[in-house]
């Protein structure tokens, strides 16, 4: 007997539209969580979320004059404020989407959904621990965690 092997794409297309949509959303969430921080500030060296530390870093790397520092600090502070606002908006959008998804699921699917969320939380915790970010501090040192 020969057993046919299905490609991952074929297997994905054979599941229901809700699960396909859910898989896509989870992928998007994962990419946004891991990639947004690095993309937003260019890197993650500990100074990206502190305007004065970022200015100090730039001053050392670029040998900025006092006049340049005085002009650049407000730019960095403005960027920081805007990025914080966007982060809050993204968090709210993510939470709303997760709630809407859960509302569409059967009780059995909701149970699995919660398990998936718990696994994701655990992976995020492990990631933060591995990369030197403490459990109690979030990305911005405010004790937050992504939902």
Protein backbone atom coordinates (compact mmCIF):
# COMPACT_ATOMS: atom_id res chain seq x y z
CA UNK A 1 0.00 0.00 0.00
CA UNK A 2 1.21 3.45 -0.85
CA UNK A 3 0.39 6.30 1.43
CA UNK A 4 0.03 9.71 -0.18
CA UNK A 5 1.89 12.55 1.42
CA UNK A 6 0.15 15.88 1.61
CA UNK A 7 2.06 19.10 1.43
CA UNK A 8 1.70 21.47 4.40
CA UNK A 9 -0.22 23.90 2.18
CA UNK A 10 -2.66 21.17 1.17
CA UNK A 11 -3.15 20.17 4.80
CA UNK A 12 -3.75 23.81 5.74
CA UNK A 13 -6.30 24.22 2.98
CA UNK A 14 -8.16 21.13 4.16
CA UNK A 15 -8.94 22.59 7.58
CA UNK A 16 -11.89 24.89 8.03
CA UNK A 17 -11.76 28.57 7.12
CA UNK A 18 -11.96 29.57 10.80
CA UNK A 19 -8.88 27.54 11.72
CA UNK A 20 -7.03 28.78 8.64
CA UNK A 21 -7.85 32.35 9.62
CA UNK A 22 -6.85 31.64 13.21
CA UNK A 23 -3.52 30.17 12.09
CA UNK A 24 -2.83 33.24 9.99
CA UNK A 25 -3.72 35.58 12.85
CA UNK A 26 -1.47 33.70 15.27
CA UNK A 27 1.41 33.95 12.79
CA UNK A 28 0.84 37.68 12.41
CA UNK A 29 0.72 38.13 16.20
CA UNK A 30 3.94 36.18 16.65
CA UNK A 31 5.72 38.17 13.95
CA UNK A 32 4.51 41.46 15.38
CA UNK A 33 5.58 40.55 18.89
CA UNK A 34 9.08 39.45 17.96
CA UNK A 35 9.73 41.87 15.13
CA UNK A 36 8.08 45.14 16.13
CA UNK A 37 10.55 46.07 18.82
CA UNK A 38 13.63 45.57 16.67
CA UNK A 39 12.01 47.24 13.68
CA UNK A 40 10.80 50.25 15.64
CA UNK A 41 14.12 51.26 17.14
CA UNK A 42 16.48 49.61 14.70
CA UNK A 43 17.88 47.27 17.32
CA UNK A 44 17.44 46.22 20.92
CA UNK A 45 20.53 47.26 22.87
CA UNK A 46 18.78 48.58 25.95
CA UNK A 47 18.78 52.26 24.95
CA UNK A 48 15.99 52.13 22.39
CA UNK A 49 13.21 53.00 24.81
CA UNK A 50 15.04 55.69 26.78
CA UNK A 51 15.47 58.90 24.77
CA UNK A 52 18.34 60.23 26.88
CA UNK A 53 20.21 56.91 26.75
CA UNK A 54 19.66 56.77 23.00
CA UNK A 55 21.01 60.32 22.64
CA UNK A 56 24.02 59.39 24.76
CA UNK A 57 24.65 56.38 22.53
CA UNK A 58 24.36 58.50 19.37
CA UNK A 59 26.62 61.16 20.89
CA UNK A 60 29.33 58.58 21.56
CA UNK A 61 28.99 56.90 18.16
CA UNK A 62 28.65 60.09 16.09
CA UNK A 63 30.56 62.56 18.25
CA UNK A 64 27.57 64.91 18.36
CA UNK A 65 28.08 68.52 19.37
CA UNK A 66 26.06 70.08 22.20
CA UNK A 67 24.04 72.00 19.60
CA UNK A 68 23.26 68.76 17.73
CA UNK A 69 22.29 67.03 20.96
CA UNK A 70 19.91 69.88 21.84
CA UNK A 71 18.21 69.54 18.45
CA UNK A 72 18.18 65.73 18.32
CA UNK A 73 16.83 65.00 21.84
CA UNK A 74 13.34 66.48 21.13
CA UNK A 75 13.21 64.43 17.91
CA UNK A 76 14.00 61.23 19.81
CA UNK A 77 11.51 62.12 22.58
CA UNK A 78 8.79 62.80 19.98
CA UNK A 79 9.52 59.46 18.30
CA UNK A 80 9.40 57.73 21.68
CA UNK A 81 6.00 59.26 22.53
CA UNK A 82 4.56 58.30 19.16
CA UNK A 83 5.93 54.75 19.40
CA UNK A 84 4.42 54.35 22.88
CA UNK A 85 1.04 55.49 21.55
CA UNK A 86 1.28 53.04 18.63
CA UNK A 87 2.26 50.24 21.01
CA UNK A 88 -0.84 50.94 23.11
CA UNK A 89 -3.02 50.96 20.00
CA UNK A 90 -1.54 47.67 18.78
CA UNK A 91 -2.14 46.07 22.17
CA UNK A 92 -5.78 47.23 22.17
CA UNK A 93 -6.33 46.01 18.59
CA UNK A 94 -4.74 42.65 19.44
CA UNK A 95 -6.94 42.23 22.53
CA UNK A 96 -10.10 43.13 20.59
CA UNK A 97 -9.24 40.69 17.82
CA UNK A 98 -8.52 37.90 20.29
CA UNK A 99 -11.89 38.50 21.97
CA UNK A 100 -13.71 38.42 18.64
CA UNK A 101 -11.95 35.21 17.65
CA UNK A 102 -12.82 33.55 20.94
CA UNK A 103 -16.49 34.56 20.52
CA UNK A 104 -16.59 32.65 17.21
CA UNK A 105 -15.21 29.41 18.66
CA UNK A 106 -17.08 26.43 20.03
CA UNK A 107 -16.51 25.56 23.70
CA UNK A 108 -14.03 22.84 22.65
CA UNK A 109 -12.16 25.26 20.40
CA UNK A 110 -12.17 27.88 23.18
CA UNK A 111 -10.46 25.38 25.48
CA UNK A 112 -7.78 24.72 22.83
CA UNK A 113 -7.52 28.48 22.18
CA UNK A 114 -6.79 29.11 25.86
CA UNK A 115 -4.14 26.36 25.81
CA UNK A 116 -2.53 27.95 22.74
CA UNK A 117 -2.51 31.33 24.51
CA UNK A 118 -0.93 29.81 27.62
CA UNK A 119 1.75 28.11 25.50
CA UNK A 120 2.44 31.40 23.74
CA UNK A 121 2.73 33.19 27.09
CA UNK A 122 5.20 30.55 28.28
CA UNK A 123 7.27 30.87 25.09
CA UNK A 124 7.33 34.66 25.49
CA UNK A 125 8.47 34.25 29.10
CA UNK A 126 11.24 31.87 28.00
CA UNK A 127 12.25 34.24 25.21
CA UNK A 128 12.49 37.18 27.62
CA UNK A 129 14.48 35.14 30.12
CA UNK A 130 16.83 33.90 27.40
CA UNK A 131 17.44 37.42 26.14
CA UNK A 132 18.04 38.93 29.55
CA UNK A 133 14.65 40.47 30.11
CA UNK A 134 13.26 39.70 33.55
CA UNK A 135 9.87 38.09 34.12
CA UNK A 136 8.51 41.06 36.01
CA UNK A 137 9.48 43.71 33.50
CA UNK A 138 7.83 44.12 30.15
CA UNK A 139 9.34 45.56 27.02
CA UNK A 140 9.22 49.05 28.50
CA UNK A 141 10.18 48.14 32.06
CA UNK A 142 6.64 48.73 33.29
CA UNK A 143 5.77 45.18 34.34
CA UNK A 144 3.49 44.72 31.36
CA UNK A 145 3.13 41.66 29.22
CA UNK A 146 1.62 41.17 25.81
CA UNK A 147 -1.79 39.60 25.63
